[in-house]
C-alpha atoms as a PDB file:
ATOM      1  CA  MET A   1      -0.002   0.207  -0.077  1.00  0.00           C
ATOM      2  CA  PRO A   2       1.405   3.407  -0.935  1.00  0.00           C
ATOM      3  CA  ASN A   3       2.454   5.651   2.031  1.00  0.00           C
ATOM      4  CA  ASP A   4       0.007   8.458   1.310  1.00  0.00           C
ATOM      5  CA  VAL A   5      -2.997   5.820   1.738  1.00  0.00           C
ATOM      6  CA  LEU A   6      -4.363   5.945   5.142  1.00  0.00           C
ATOM      7  CA  LEU A   7      -7.609   3.636   4.612  1.00  0.00           C
ATOM      8  CA  GLN A   8      -7.774   0.774   2.087  1.00  0.00           C
ATOM      9  CA  ALA A   9     -10.670  -1.593   1.693  1.00  0.00           C
ATOM     10  CA  GLU A  10     -10.532  -4.689  -0.527  1.00  0.00           C
ATOM     11  CA  ASN A  11     -13.605  -6.795  -1.687  1.00  0.00           C
ATOM     12  CA  LEU A  12     -15.030  -5.682   1.703  1.00  0.00           C
ATOM     13  CA  GLN A  13     -18.368  -7.554   2.743  1.00  0.00           C
ATOM     14  CA  THR A  14     -20.486  -6.820   5.945  1.00  0.00           C
ATOM     15  CA  HIS A  15     -23.580  -9.214   5.816  1.00  0.00           C
ATOM     16  CA  PHE A  16     -25.753  -9.711   8.582  1.00  0.00           C
ATOM     17  CA  GLU A  17     -27.608 -13.058   9.233  1.00  0.00           C
ATOM     18  CA  LEU A  18     -31.680 -13.114   9.940  1.00  0.00           C
ATOM     19  CA  ARG A  19     -33.213 -15.550  12.136  1.00  0.00           C
ATOM     20  CA  LYS A  20     -36.878 -16.494  12.880  1.00  0.00           C
ATOM     21  CA  PHE A  21     -37.936 -17.647  16.411  1.00  0.00           C
ATOM     22  CA  GLY A  22     -34.131 -16.844  17.563  1.00  0.00           C
ATOM     23  CA  PHE A  23     -32.683 -20.086  15.695  1.00  0.00           C
ATOM     24  CA  VAL A  24     -34.297 -20.763  12.228  1.00  0.00           C
ATOM     25  CA  ARG A  25     -32.072 -19.029   9.564  1.00  0.00           C
ATOM     26  CA  ALA A  26     -33.916 -16.875   7.383  1.00  0.00           C
ATOM     27  CA  GLY A  27     -31.561 -15.416   5.195  1.00  0.00           C
ATOM     28  CA  GLU A  28     -28.741 -12.743   5.114  1.00  0.00           C
ATOM     29  CA  VAL A  29     -28.592  -9.127   4.605  1.00  0.00           C
ATOM     30  CA  ARG A  30     -25.803  -8.160   2.296  1.00  0.00           C
ATOM     31  CA  ALA A  31     -25.555  -4.481   3.578  1.00  0.00           C
ATOM     32  CA  VAL A  32     -21.780  -4.065   2.098  1.00  0.00           C
ATOM     33  CA  ASP A  33     -21.264  -6.483  -0.702  1.00  0.00           C
ATOM     34  CA  GLY A  34     -17.836  -6.150  -2.390  1.00  0.00           C
ATOM     35  CA  VAL A  35     -16.453  -2.750  -2.069  1.00  0.00           C
ATOM     36  CA  THR A  36     -12.983  -1.489  -2.966  1.00  0.00           C
ATOM     37  CA  PHE A  37     -11.741   1.749  -2.234  1.00  0.00           C
ATOM     38  CA  HIS A  38      -9.039   3.837  -0.399  1.00  0.00           C
ATOM     39  CA  ILE A  39      -8.667   7.082   1.220  1.00  0.00           C
ATOM     40  CA  ARG A  40      -5.350   9.208   1.238  1.00  0.00           C
ATOM     41  CA  ARG A  41      -3.894  11.221   4.219  1.00  0.00           C
ATOM     42  CA  GLY A  42      -5.641  14.421   4.460  1.00  0.00           C
ATOM     43  CA  GLU A  43      -8.077  13.828   1.588  1.00  0.00           C
ATOM     44  CA  ALA A  44     -11.840  14.452   1.957  1.00  0.00           C
ATOM     45  CA  VAL A  45     -14.143  11.723   0.535  1.00  0.00           C
ATOM     46  CA  ALA A  46     -17.795  11.555  -0.008  1.00  0.00           C
ATOM     47  CA  ILE A  47     -20.130   8.329  -0.010  1.00  0.00           C
ATOM     48  CA  VAL A  48     -23.293   9.279  -1.611  1.00  0.00           C
ATOM     49  CA  GLY A  49     -26.273   7.122  -1.918  1.00  0.00           C
ATOM     50  CA  GLU A  50     -30.121   6.880  -1.008  1.00  0.00           C
ATOM     51  CA  SER A  51     -31.285   5.421   2.336  1.00  0.00           C
ATOM     52  CA  GLY A  52     -30.454   1.577   2.760  1.00  0.00           C
ATOM     53  CA  CYS A  53     -27.763   1.454   0.177  1.00  0.00           C
ATOM     54  CA  GLY A  54     -25.167   0.563   2.777  1.00  0.00           C
ATOM     55  CA  LYS A  55     -23.450   3.817   3.632  1.00  0.00           C
ATOM     56  CA  SER A  56     -23.637   3.726   7.319  1.00  0.00           C
ATOM     57  CA  THR A  57     -22.891  -0.050   7.567  1.00  0.00           C
ATOM     58  CA  LEU A  58     -19.564   0.673   5.521  1.00  0.00           C
ATOM     59  CA  ALA A  59     -18.772   3.573   8.066  1.00  0.00           C
ATOM     60  CA  ARG A  60     -19.257   1.472  11.187  1.00  0.00           C
ATOM     61  CA  THR A  61     -17.251  -1.279   9.573  1.00  0.00           C
ATOM     62  CA  VAL A  62     -14.363   1.129   9.054  1.00  0.00           C
ATOM     63  CA  LEU A  63     -14.839   2.285  12.494  1.00  0.00           C
ATOM     64  CA  GLY A  64     -14.220  -1.277  13.670  1.00  0.00           C
ATOM     65  CA  LEU A  65     -17.774  -1.531  15.087  1.00  0.00           C
ATOM     66  CA  TYR A  66     -18.891  -4.084  12.798  1.00  0.00           C
ATOM     67  CA  GLU A  67     -16.579  -7.146  11.816  1.00  0.00           C
ATOM     68  CA  PRO A  68     -16.359  -7.875   7.998  1.00  0.00           C
ATOM     69  CA  THR A  69     -17.715 -11.049   6.727  1.00  0.00           C
ATOM     70  CA  ALA A  70     -15.251 -11.280   4.067  1.00  0.00           C
ATOM     71  CA  GLY A  71     -12.418  -9.051   2.323  1.00  0.00           C
ATOM     72  CA  SER A  72     -10.092  -6.821   4.250  1.00  0.00           C
ATOM     73  CA  VAL A  73      -9.875  -3.230   5.783  1.00  0.00           C
ATOM     74  CA  LEU A  74      -6.269  -1.836   6.088  1.00  0.00           C
ATOM     75  CA  PHE A  75      -5.497   1.195   8.271  1.00  0.00           C
ATOM     76  CA  ASP A  76      -2.122   2.788   7.968  1.00  0.00           C
ATOM     77  CA  GLY A  77      -1.046  -0.282   6.284  1.00  0.00           C
ATOM     78  CA  VAL A  78      -2.347  -3.029   8.988  1.00  0.00           C
ATOM     79  CA  ASP A  79      -5.024  -5.241   8.413  1.00  0.00           C
ATOM     80  CA  MET A  80      -7.730  -4.776  11.121  1.00  0.00           C
ATOM     81  CA  SER A  81      -8.695  -8.375  11.302  1.00  0.00           C
ATOM     82  CA  SER A  82      -5.071  -8.771  12.874  1.00  0.00           C
ATOM     83  CA  TYR A  83      -5.875  -6.548  15.741  1.00  0.00           C
ATOM     84  CA  ASP A  84      -5.924  -7.748  19.146  1.00  0.00           C
ATOM     85  CA  ARG A  85      -7.643  -5.890  22.081  1.00  0.00           C
ATOM     86  CA  ARG A  86      -4.599  -3.038  22.220  1.00  0.00           C
ATOM     87  CA  LYS A  87      -4.538  -2.621  18.646  1.00  0.00           C
ATOM     88  CA  LEU A  88      -8.269  -1.952  18.436  1.00  0.00           C
ATOM     89  CA  ALA A  89      -8.041   0.662  21.187  1.00  0.00           C
ATOM     90  CA  TRP A  90      -5.484   2.101  19.147  1.00  0.00           C
ATOM     91  CA  HIS A  91      -7.464   2.010  16.127  1.00  0.00           C
ATOM     92  CA  ARG A  92     -10.394   3.702  17.712  1.00  0.00           C
ATOM     93  CA  ARG A  93      -8.308   6.499  18.977  1.00  0.00           C
ATOM     94  CA  GLN A  94      -6.965   7.353  15.401  1.00  0.00           C
ATOM     95  CA  VAL A  95     -10.638   7.460  13.935  1.00  0.00           C
ATOM     96  CA  GLY A  96     -13.221  10.073  15.315  1.00  0.00           C
ATOM     97  CA  TYR A  97     -17.038   9.557  14.749  1.00  0.00           C
ATOM     98  CA  VAL A  98     -19.441  12.524  14.051  1.00  0.00           C
ATOM     99  CA  GLN A  99     -22.783  10.683  14.457  1.00  0.00           C
ATOM    100  CA  GLN A 100     -26.184  11.797  12.452  1.00  0.00           C
ATOM    101  CA  ASP A 101     -28.317  12.902  15.409  1.00  0.00           C
ATOM    102  CA  PRO A 102     -26.395  15.115  17.928  1.00  0.00           C
ATOM    103  CA  TYR A 103     -28.922  14.813  20.758  1.00  0.00           C
ATOM    104  CA  ALA A 104     -28.911  11.095  20.648  1.00  0.00           C
ATOM    105  CA  ALA A 105     -25.095  10.983  20.627  1.00  0.00           C
ATOM    106  CA  LEU A 106     -24.756  13.135  23.746  1.00  0.00           C
ATOM    107  CA  PRO A 107     -25.533  11.346  26.963  1.00  0.00           C
ATOM    108  CA  PRO A 108     -28.112  13.825  28.700  1.00  0.00           C
ATOM    109  CA  PHE A 109     -26.635  13.550  31.940  1.00  0.00           C
ATOM    110  CA  MET A 110     -23.288  14.737  31.300  1.00  0.00           C
ATOM    111  CA  ASP A 111     -22.238  18.371  30.773  1.00  0.00           C
ATOM    112  CA  VAL A 112     -19.832  19.384  28.169  1.00  0.00           C
ATOM    113  CA  ARG A 113     -16.684  18.952  30.258  1.00  0.00           C
ATOM    114  CA  GLN A 114     -17.540  15.597  31.264  1.00  0.00           C
ATOM    115  CA  LEU A 115     -18.365  14.737  27.501  1.00  0.00           C
ATOM    116  CA  LEU A 116     -15.098  15.768  26.410  1.00  0.00           C
ATOM    117  CA  ARG A 117     -13.183  14.422  29.301  1.00  0.00           C
ATOM    118  CA  GLU A 118     -14.548  10.687  29.018  1.00  0.00           C
ATOM    119  CA  PRO A 119     -12.606   9.714  26.124  1.00  0.00           C
ATOM    120  CA  LEU A 120      -9.333  11.168  27.365  1.00  0.00           C
ATOM    121  CA  LEU A 121      -9.814   9.140  30.900  1.00  0.00           C
ATOM    122  CA  VAL A 122     -10.639   6.252  28.681  1.00  0.00           C
ATOM    123  CA  ASN A 123      -7.539   6.574  26.757  1.00  0.00           C
ATOM    124  CA  GLY A 124      -5.267   7.122  29.873  1.00  0.00           C
ATOM    125  CA  VAL A 125      -4.914  10.772  29.812  1.00  0.00           C
ATOM    126  CA  ARG A 126      -5.001  11.461  33.852  1.00  0.00           C
ATOM    127  CA  ASP A 127      -3.422  14.762  34.201  1.00  0.00           C
ATOM    128  CA  ARG A 128      -6.393  17.138  34.959  1.00  0.00           C
ATOM    129  CA  ALA A 129      -4.218  20.238  33.837  1.00  0.00           C
ATOM    130  CA  GLU A 130      -3.901  18.353  30.605  1.00  0.00           C
ATOM    131  CA  GLN A 131      -7.505  17.410  30.325  1.00  0.00           C
ATOM    132  CA  GLU A 132      -8.395  20.958  30.826  1.00  0.00           C
ATOM    133  CA  GLN A 133      -6.510  22.478  28.230  1.00  0.00           C
ATOM    134  CA  ARG A 134      -7.529  19.797  25.626  1.00  0.00           C
ATOM    135  CA  ILE A 135     -10.891  20.611  26.423  1.00  0.00           C
ATOM    136  CA  ARG A 136     -11.087  24.345  26.311  1.00  0.00           C
ATOM    137  CA  SER A 137      -8.650  24.411  23.076  1.00  0.00           C
ATOM    138  CA  ARG A 138     -11.398  21.955  21.242  1.00  0.00           C
ATOM    139  CA  LEU A 139     -14.117  24.288  22.392  1.00  0.00           C
ATOM    140  CA  GLU A 140     -12.435  27.321  21.030  1.00  0.00           C
ATOM    141  CA  GLU A 141     -11.644  25.360  17.870  1.00  0.00           C
ATOM    142  CA  ILE A 142     -15.184  24.633  17.271  1.00  0.00           C
ATOM    143  CA  ARG A 143     -16.113  28.395  18.035  1.00  0.00           C
ATOM    144  CA  LEU A 144     -18.151  27.785  21.272  1.00  0.00           C
ATOM    145  CA  THR A 145     -16.562  30.581  23.082  1.00  0.00           C
ATOM    146  CA  PRO A 146     -16.018  31.672  25.360  1.00  0.00           C
ATOM    147  CA  ALA A 147     -15.230  28.085  26.585  1.00  0.00           C
ATOM    148  CA  ALA A 148     -15.866  28.637  30.210  1.00  0.00           C
ATOM    149  CA  SER A 149     -19.686  29.489  29.464  1.00  0.00           C
ATOM    150  CA  PHE A 150     -20.191  26.072  27.920  1.00  0.00           C
ATOM    151  CA  LEU A 151     -18.229  23.682  30.195  1.00  0.00           C
ATOM    152  CA  GLU A 152     -21.066  23.219  32.498  1.00  0.00           C
ATOM    153  CA  LYS A 153     -24.101  23.228  30.268  1.00  0.00           C
ATOM    154  CA  PHE A 154     -25.901  19.869  29.711  1.00  0.00           C
ATOM    155  CA  PRO A 155     -27.078  19.009  25.993  1.00  0.00           C
ATOM    156  CA  HIS A 156     -30.519  19.865  26.375  1.00  0.00           C
ATOM    157  CA  GLN A 157     -29.272  23.728  27.022  1.00  0.00           C
ATOM    158  CA  LEU A 158     -27.742  23.767  23.640  1.00  0.00           C
ATOM    159  CA  SER A 159     -29.083  24.349  20.141  1.00  0.00           C
ATOM    160  CA  GLY A 160     -28.660  21.615  17.513  1.00  0.00           C
ATOM    161  CA  GLY A 161     -25.928  23.194  16.012  1.00  0.00           C
ATOM    162  CA  GLN A 162     -24.079  23.861  19.298  1.00  0.00           C
ATOM    163  CA  GLN A 163     -24.696  19.894  20.020  1.00  0.00           C
ATOM    164  CA  GLN A 164     -23.228  18.814  16.795  1.00  0.00           C
ATOM    165  CA  ARG A 165     -20.215  21.235  17.397  1.00  0.00           C
ATOM    166  CA  VAL A 166     -19.677  19.551  20.650  1.00  0.00           C
ATOM    167  CA  VAL A 167     -19.780  15.921  18.736  1.00  0.00           C
ATOM    168  CA  ILE A 168     -17.379  17.237  16.424  1.00  0.00           C
ATOM    169  CA  ALA A 169     -15.108  18.420  19.289  1.00  0.00           C
ATOM    170  CA  ARG A 170     -15.507  14.986  20.995  1.00  0.00           C
ATOM    171  CA  ALA A 171     -14.513  13.457  17.629  1.00  0.00           C
ATOM    172  CA  ARG A 172     -11.421  15.802  17.563  1.00  0.00           C
ATOM    173  CA  ILE A 173     -10.210  15.210  21.247  1.00  0.00           C
ATOM    174  CA  LEU A 174      -7.858  12.365  20.525  1.00  0.00           C
ATOM    175  CA  ASP A 175      -6.266  14.246  17.440  1.00  0.00           C
ATOM    176  CA  PRO A 176      -7.420  11.265  15.015  1.00  0.00           C
ATOM    177  CA  GLN A 177      -6.144  10.693  11.536  1.00  0.00           C
ATOM    178  CA  LEU A 178      -9.647  10.065  10.150  1.00  0.00           C
ATOM    179  CA  ILE A 179     -12.965  11.528  10.907  1.00  0.00           C
ATOM    180  CA  VAL A 180     -16.179   9.474   9.767  1.00  0.00           C
ATOM    181  CA  ALA A 181     -19.057  11.773   9.528  1.00  0.00           C
ATOM    182  CA  ASP A 182     -22.211  10.069   8.931  1.00  0.00           C
ATOM    183  CA  GLU A 183     -24.921  12.575   7.691  1.00  0.00           C
ATOM    184  CA  PRO A 184     -23.580  15.289   9.900  1.00  0.00           C
ATOM    185  CA  VAL A 185     -26.125  17.914   9.128  1.00  0.00           C
ATOM    186  CA  SER A 186     -29.204  16.073   8.170  1.00  0.00           C
ATOM    187  CA  MET A 187     -30.938  16.668  11.636  1.00  0.00           C
ATOM    188  CA  LEU A 188     -29.986  20.329  11.700  1.00  0.00           C
ATOM    189  CA  ASP A 189     -31.704  23.211  10.556  1.00  0.00           C
ATOM    190  CA  ALA A 190     -30.883  24.557   7.065  1.00  0.00           C
ATOM    191  CA  SER A 191     -29.529  27.842   8.451  1.00  0.00           C
ATOM    192  CA  VAL A 192     -26.881  25.843  10.234  1.00  0.00           C
ATOM    193  CA  ARG A 193     -25.962  23.436   8.037  1.00  0.00           C
ATOM    194  CA  VAL A 194     -23.357  25.218   5.737  1.00  0.00           C
ATOM    195  CA  GLU A 195     -21.623  26.709   9.210  1.00  0.00           C
ATOM    196  CA  VAL A 196     -21.128  23.095  10.352  1.00  0.00           C
ATOM    197  CA  LEU A 197     -19.854  21.597   7.171  1.00  0.00           C
ATOM    198  CA  GLN A 198     -17.634  24.753   6.686  1.00  0.00           C
ATOM    199  CA  LEU A 199     -16.177  23.920  10.337  1.00  0.00           C
ATOM    200  CA  LEU A 200     -15.462  20.469   9.548  1.00  0.00           C
ATOM    201  CA  ARG A 201     -13.843  21.371   6.192  1.00  0.00           C
ATOM    202  CA  GLN A 202     -11.548  24.024   8.078  1.00  0.00           C
ATOM    203  CA  LEU A 203     -10.357  21.618  10.808  1.00  0.00           C
ATOM    204  CA  GLN A 204      -9.691  18.799   8.213  1.00  0.00           C
ATOM    205  CA  ARG A 205      -7.538  21.074   6.396  1.00  0.00           C
ATOM    206  CA  LYS A 206      -5.924  22.887   9.372  1.00  0.00           C
ATOM    207  CA  HIS A 207      -5.135  19.460  10.856  1.00  0.00           C
ATOM    208  CA  ARG A 208      -4.354  17.319   7.608  1.00  0.00           C
ATOM    209  CA  MET A 209      -6.961  14.718   8.813  1.00  0.00           C
ATOM    210  CA  ALA A 210      -8.686  12.284   6.336  1.00  0.00           C
ATOM    211  CA  LEU A 211     -12.428  12.791   6.009  1.00  0.00           C
ATOM    212  CA  LEU A 212     -15.160  10.185   4.966  1.00  0.00           C
ATOM    213  CA  TYR A 213     -18.163  12.051   4.338  1.00  0.00           C
ATOM    214  CA  ILE A 214     -21.264   9.922   4.383  1.00  0.00           C
ATOM    215  CA  THR A 215     -24.333  11.764   2.926  1.00  0.00           C
ATOM    216  CA  HIS A 216     -27.352  11.358   0.606  1.00  0.00           C
ATOM    217  CA  ASP A 217     -27.020  14.976  -0.414  1.00  0.00           C
ATOM    218  CA  LEU A 218     -25.148  15.570  -3.712  1.00  0.00           C
ATOM    219  CA  SER A 219     -25.494  19.425  -3.144  1.00  0.00           C
ATOM    220  CA  THR A 220     -23.170  19.775  -0.399  1.00  0.00           C
ATOM    221  CA  VAL A 221     -20.370  17.475  -1.785  1.00  0.00           C
ATOM    222  CA  ARG A 222     -19.125  20.081  -4.384  1.00  0.00           C
ATOM    223  CA  TYR A 223     -17.832  22.250  -1.295  1.00  0.00           C
ATOM    224  CA  PHE A 224     -16.532  19.725   0.685  1.00  0.00           C
ATOM    225  CA  CYS A 225     -14.710  16.628  -0.973  1.00  0.00           C
ATOM    226  CA  GLU A 226     -12.130  15.945  -3.612  1.00  0.00           C
ATOM    227  CA  ARG A 227     -13.357  12.718  -4.487  1.00  0.00           C
ATOM    228  CA  ILE A 228     -16.963  10.913  -4.515  1.00  0.00           C
ATOM    229  CA  PHE A 229     -17.926   7.469  -4.578  1.00  0.00           C
ATOM    230  CA  ILE A 230     -21.621   6.588  -5.324  1.00  0.00           C
ATOM    231  CA  MET A 231     -23.334   3.824  -3.668  1.00  0.00           C
ATOM    232  CA  TYR A 232     -26.180   1.848  -4.564  1.00  0.00           C
ATOM    233  CA  GLY A 233     -27.333  -1.767  -3.490  1.00  0.00           C
ATOM    234  CA  ALA A 234     -24.551  -2.234  -1.309  1.00  0.00           C
ATOM    235  CA  LYS A 235     -21.931  -1.574  -3.912  1.00  0.00           C
ATOM    236  CA  ILE A 236     -19.915   1.367  -5.172  1.00  0.00           C
ATOM    237  CA  VAL A 237     -21.261   1.918  -8.639  1.00  0.00           C
ATOM    238  CA  GLU A 238     -19.099   5.040  -9.904  1.00  0.00           C
ATOM    239  CA  ARG A 239     -16.115   6.896  -8.249  1.00  0.00           C
ATOM    240  CA  GLY A 240     -14.001   9.995  -9.321  1.00  0.00           C
ATOM    241  CA  PRO A 241     -13.218  13.511  -8.791  1.00  0.00           C
ATOM    242  CA  VAL A 242     -16.054  15.548  -7.450  1.00  0.00           C
ATOM    243  CA  GLU A 243     -16.376  18.136 -10.164  1.00  0.00           C
ATOM    244  CA  ALA A 244     -16.092  15.372 -12.918  1.00  0.00           C
ATOM    245  CA  ILE A 245     -18.568  13.288 -11.697  1.00  0.00           C
ATOM    246  CA  LEU A 246     -21.233  16.427 -10.870  1.00  0.00           C
ATOM    247  CA  ALA A 247     -20.373  17.958 -14.466  1.00  0.00           C
ATOM    248  CA  ARG A 248     -20.753  14.688 -16.350  1.00  0.00           C
ATOM    249  CA  PRO A 249     -22.108  11.777 -14.470  1.00  0.00           C
ATOM    250  CA  GLU A 250     -21.491   8.356 -16.264  1.00  0.00           C
ATOM    251  CA  HIS A 251     -23.639   5.874 -14.339  1.00  0.00           C
ATOM    252  CA  PRO A 252     -27.336   6.152 -14.746  1.00  0.00           C
ATOM    253  CA  TYR A 253     -27.915   5.989 -11.121  1.00  0.00           C
ATOM    254  CA  THR A 254     -25.593   8.850 -10.713  1.00  0.00           C
ATOM    255  CA  GLN A 255     -27.218  10.776 -13.536  1.00  0.00           C
ATOM    256  CA  ALA A 256     -30.615  10.405 -11.716  1.00  0.00           C
ATOM    257  CA  LEU A 257     -28.909  11.917  -8.362  1.00  0.00           C
ATOM    258  CA  VAL A 258     -27.423  14.815 -10.187  1.00  0.00           C
ATOM    259  CA  ASP A 259     -30.601  15.369 -11.812  1.00  0.00           C
ATOM    260  CA  ALA A 260     -32.350  15.415  -8.368  1.00  0.00           C
ATOM    261  CA  ILE A 261     -30.197  18.330  -6.871  1.00  0.00           C
ATOM    262  CA  PRO A 262     -32.704  21.304  -6.197  1.00  0.00           C
ATOM    263  CA  ASP A 263     -32.261  24.158  -8.714  1.00  0.00           C
ATOM    264  CA  PRO A 264     -32.091  27.487  -7.099  1.00  0.00           C
ATOM    265  CA  ASP A 265     -33.504  29.274  -9.991  1.00  0.00           C
ATOM    266  CA  ALA A 266     -36.976  30.055  -9.688  1.00  0.00           C
ATOM    267  CA  ALA A 267     -37.559  30.147 -13.207  1.00  0.00           C
ATOM    268  CA  ASN A 268     -37.190  26.193 -13.114  1.00  0.00           C
ATOM    269  CA  ALA A 269     -39.583  25.553 -10.378  1.00  0.00           C
ATOM    270  CA  GLY A 270     -42.127  23.047 -11.351  1.00  0.00           C
ATOM    271  CA  GLN A 271     -39.863  21.776 -14.169  1.00  0.00           C
ATOM    272  CA  TYR A 272     -40.202  18.000 -14.695  1.00  0.00           C
ATOM    273  CA  ARG A 273     -37.374  15.673 -13.274  1.00  0.00           C
ATOM    274  CA  LYS A 274     -36.429  12.320 -14.464  1.00  0.00           C
ATOM    275  CA  VAL A 275     -36.779   9.922 -11.535  1.00  0.00           C
ATOM    276  CA  PRO A 276     -36.027   6.296 -12.011  1.00  0.00           C
ATOM    277  CA  ALA A 277     -39.133   3.804 -11.913  1.00  0.00           C
ATOM    278  CA  GLY A 278     -39.243   1.568  -8.971  1.00  0.00           C
ATOM    279  CA  GLU A 279     -37.924   1.118  -5.550  1.00  0.00           C
ATOM    280  CA  PRO A 280     -34.111   0.356  -4.389  1.00  0.00           C
ATOM    281  CA  PRO A 281     -33.186  -3.241  -4.263  1.00  0.00           C
ATOM    282  CA  SER A 282     -33.860  -5.638  -1.178  1.00  0.00           C
ATOM    283  CA  LEU A 283     -30.265  -6.448   0.184  1.00  0.00           C
ATOM    284  CA  LEU A 284     -31.956  -9.323   1.577  1.00  0.00           C
ATOM    285  CA  HIS A 285     -32.752 -10.606  -1.927  1.00  0.00           C
ATOM    286  CA  PRO A 286     -30.828  -8.515  -4.435  1.00  0.00           C
ATOM    287  CA  PRO A 287     -31.439  -8.828  -8.170  1.00  0.00           C
ATOM    288  CA  GLU A 288     -29.079 -10.818 -10.251  1.00  0.00           C
ATOM    289  CA  GLY A 289     -26.500  -9.076 -12.489  1.00  0.00           C
ATOM    290  CA  CYS A 290     -26.426  -5.127 -12.104  1.00  0.00           C
ATOM    291  CA  ARG A 291     -28.557  -4.230  -9.084  1.00  0.00           C
ATOM    292  CA  PHE A 292     -29.690  -1.236 -10.921  1.00  0.00           C
ATOM    293  CA  HIS A 293     -30.929  -2.943 -14.098  1.00  0.00           C
ATOM    294  CA  PRO A 294     -34.670  -3.135 -12.923  1.00  0.00           C
ATOM    295  CA  ARG A 295     -34.824   0.643 -12.793  1.00  0.00           C
ATOM    296  CA  CYS A 296     -32.429   1.580 -15.497  1.00  0.00           C
ATOM    297  CA  SER A 297     -33.957   2.728 -18.870  1.00  0.00           C
ATOM    298  CA  PHE A 298     -30.407   2.022 -20.378  1.00  0.00           C
ATOM    299  CA  ALA A 299     -30.255  -1.762 -19.292  1.00  0.00           C
ATOM    300  CA  ILE A 300     -28.959  -3.954 -22.240  1.00  0.00           C
ATOM    301  CA  GLN A 301     -30.955  -7.135 -22.343  1.00  0.00           C
ATOM    302  CA  GLY A 302     -29.533 -10.156 -21.983  1.00  0.00           C
ATOM    303  CA  LEU A 303     -26.241  -8.912 -20.081  1.00  0.00           C
ATOM    304  CA  CYS A 304     -27.591  -6.571 -17.036  1.00  0.00           C
ATOM    305  CA  GLU A 305     -30.029  -8.577 -15.725  1.00  0.00           C
ATOM    306  CA  ARG A 306     -27.431 -11.725 -15.694  1.00  0.00           C
ATOM    307  CA  HIS A 307     -23.769 -10.361 -15.244  1.00  0.00           C
ATOM    308  CA  ASP A 308     -22.858  -8.058 -12.280  1.00  0.00           C
ATOM    309  CA  PRO A 309     -20.736  -5.286 -14.302  1.00  0.00           C
ATOM    310  CA  PRO A 310     -17.124  -4.938 -13.161  1.00  0.00           C
ATOM    311  CA  ASP A 311     -15.220  -1.518 -12.418  1.00  0.00           C
ATOM    312  CA  PHE A 312     -14.601  -0.128 -15.841  1.00  0.00           C
ATOM    313  CA  GLU A 313     -11.990   2.754 -16.047  1.00  0.00           C
ATOM    314  CA  THR A 314     -13.587   5.366 -18.064  1.00  0.00           C
ATOM    315  CA  GLY A 315     -11.197   8.059 -17.803  1.00  0.00           C
ATOM    316  CA  ALA A 316      -8.457   9.892 -15.555  1.00  0.00           C
ATOM    317  CA  GLY A 317      -9.427   8.842 -12.125  1.00  0.00           C
ATOM    318  CA  ARG A 318     -12.734   7.956 -13.045  1.00  0.00           C
ATOM    319  CA  ARG A 319     -14.436   4.337 -12.891  1.00  0.00           C
ATOM    320  CA  ALA A 320     -18.196   3.212 -13.266  1.00  0.00           C
ATOM    321  CA  ALA A 321     -19.403  -0.207 -12.880  1.00  0.00           C
ATOM    322  CA  CYS A 322     -21.841   0.010 -15.882  1.00  0.00           C
ATOM    323  CA  TRP A 323     -21.945  -2.396 -18.849  1.00  0.00           C
ATOM    324  CA  LEU A 324     -22.422   0.861 -21.010  1.00  0.00           C
ATOM    325  CA  TYR A 325     -19.051   1.792 -20.727  1.00  0.00           C
ATOM    326  CA  ARG A 326     -16.992  -1.440 -21.398  1.00  0.00           C
ATOM    327  CA  GLU A 327     -16.049  -0.255 -24.993  1.00  0.00           C
ATOM    328  CA  ALA A 328     -15.085   2.981 -23.679  1.00  0.00           C
ATOM    329  CA  ALA A 329     -12.814   1.490 -21.043  1.00  0.00           C
ATOM    330  CA  VAL A 330     -11.155  -0.734 -23.582  1.00  0.00           C
ATOM    331  CA  GLU A 331     -10.516   2.262 -25.934  1.00  0.00           C
ATOM    332  CA  HIS A 332      -9.274   4.356 -22.971  1.00  0.00           C
ATOM    333  CA  ASN A 333      -6.719   1.466 -22.083  1.00  0.00           C
ATOM    334  CA  LEU A 334      -5.562   1.304 -25.723  1.00  0.00           C
ATOM    335  CA  GLN A 335      -4.749   5.166 -25.638  1.00  0.00           C
ATOM    336  CA  ARG A 336      -2.694   4.875 -22.359  1.00  0.00           C
END
């Protein structure tokens, strides 16, 4: 693995077994099903897809909260499956987690000082002066100032935006190399979403952290990330630089997502938008072949419904798992 790659997943699978009456096997939910990607040090990457596509399961597998069914996750060159108890504790110090719902993420019986002190205590920072210095520094960093006026407040005494800032401060308290932000602004008012995203981006650049941003909202990705992975039916179907994908989406599903981005021009209000027919696939019984083919108006009969497309290289730094690009991929390789 190159030195600049911090996180790498190879054919990652995370499945969950379903049982009836507690002991009769009823099937398997393929929440993540053959995902390969990498994140460089200091890079911001977005994983985008509709609800139920496996984004959050992928994030929790990277965090070490779920054990992969197959495949591998390498963090800083070390396979996570080889972690013992001490190494897993080290990994969790290197990866911060920003949850979707800040109020649910913050215990209501702990004030801000206790919320930020707990991860320090768990990880062996016992000196009270160092604890206090780190806590106040993180509060100032997330712009809850003066810090002294927030230390003794409980979550219910904070606004939603302030709560999410405390969640970010807690994720940052141990100086991680990677932040996983799972829909970090979806529960916030529109007026504070941009502020929180800008804060995350500034912290990521200032401290050269890698950032894995999980979202269903393509409109926020343009200002936040360098690369984007489009996820559908537990698989990554397209990847590449953000500007290139938003300007010229290649996979039919990505095209549908880009078409669904709200247009701020009032003159276009009410304009018809193309929406794929049907529903997202069941991850308990996914369709054979390409998982998007039942909803795809470009599906190739006899091919898409039978064979899962590989990841075709379609341009500089771009890949798409779609049979439409098999000839373009061959031509691109010949020109290299």
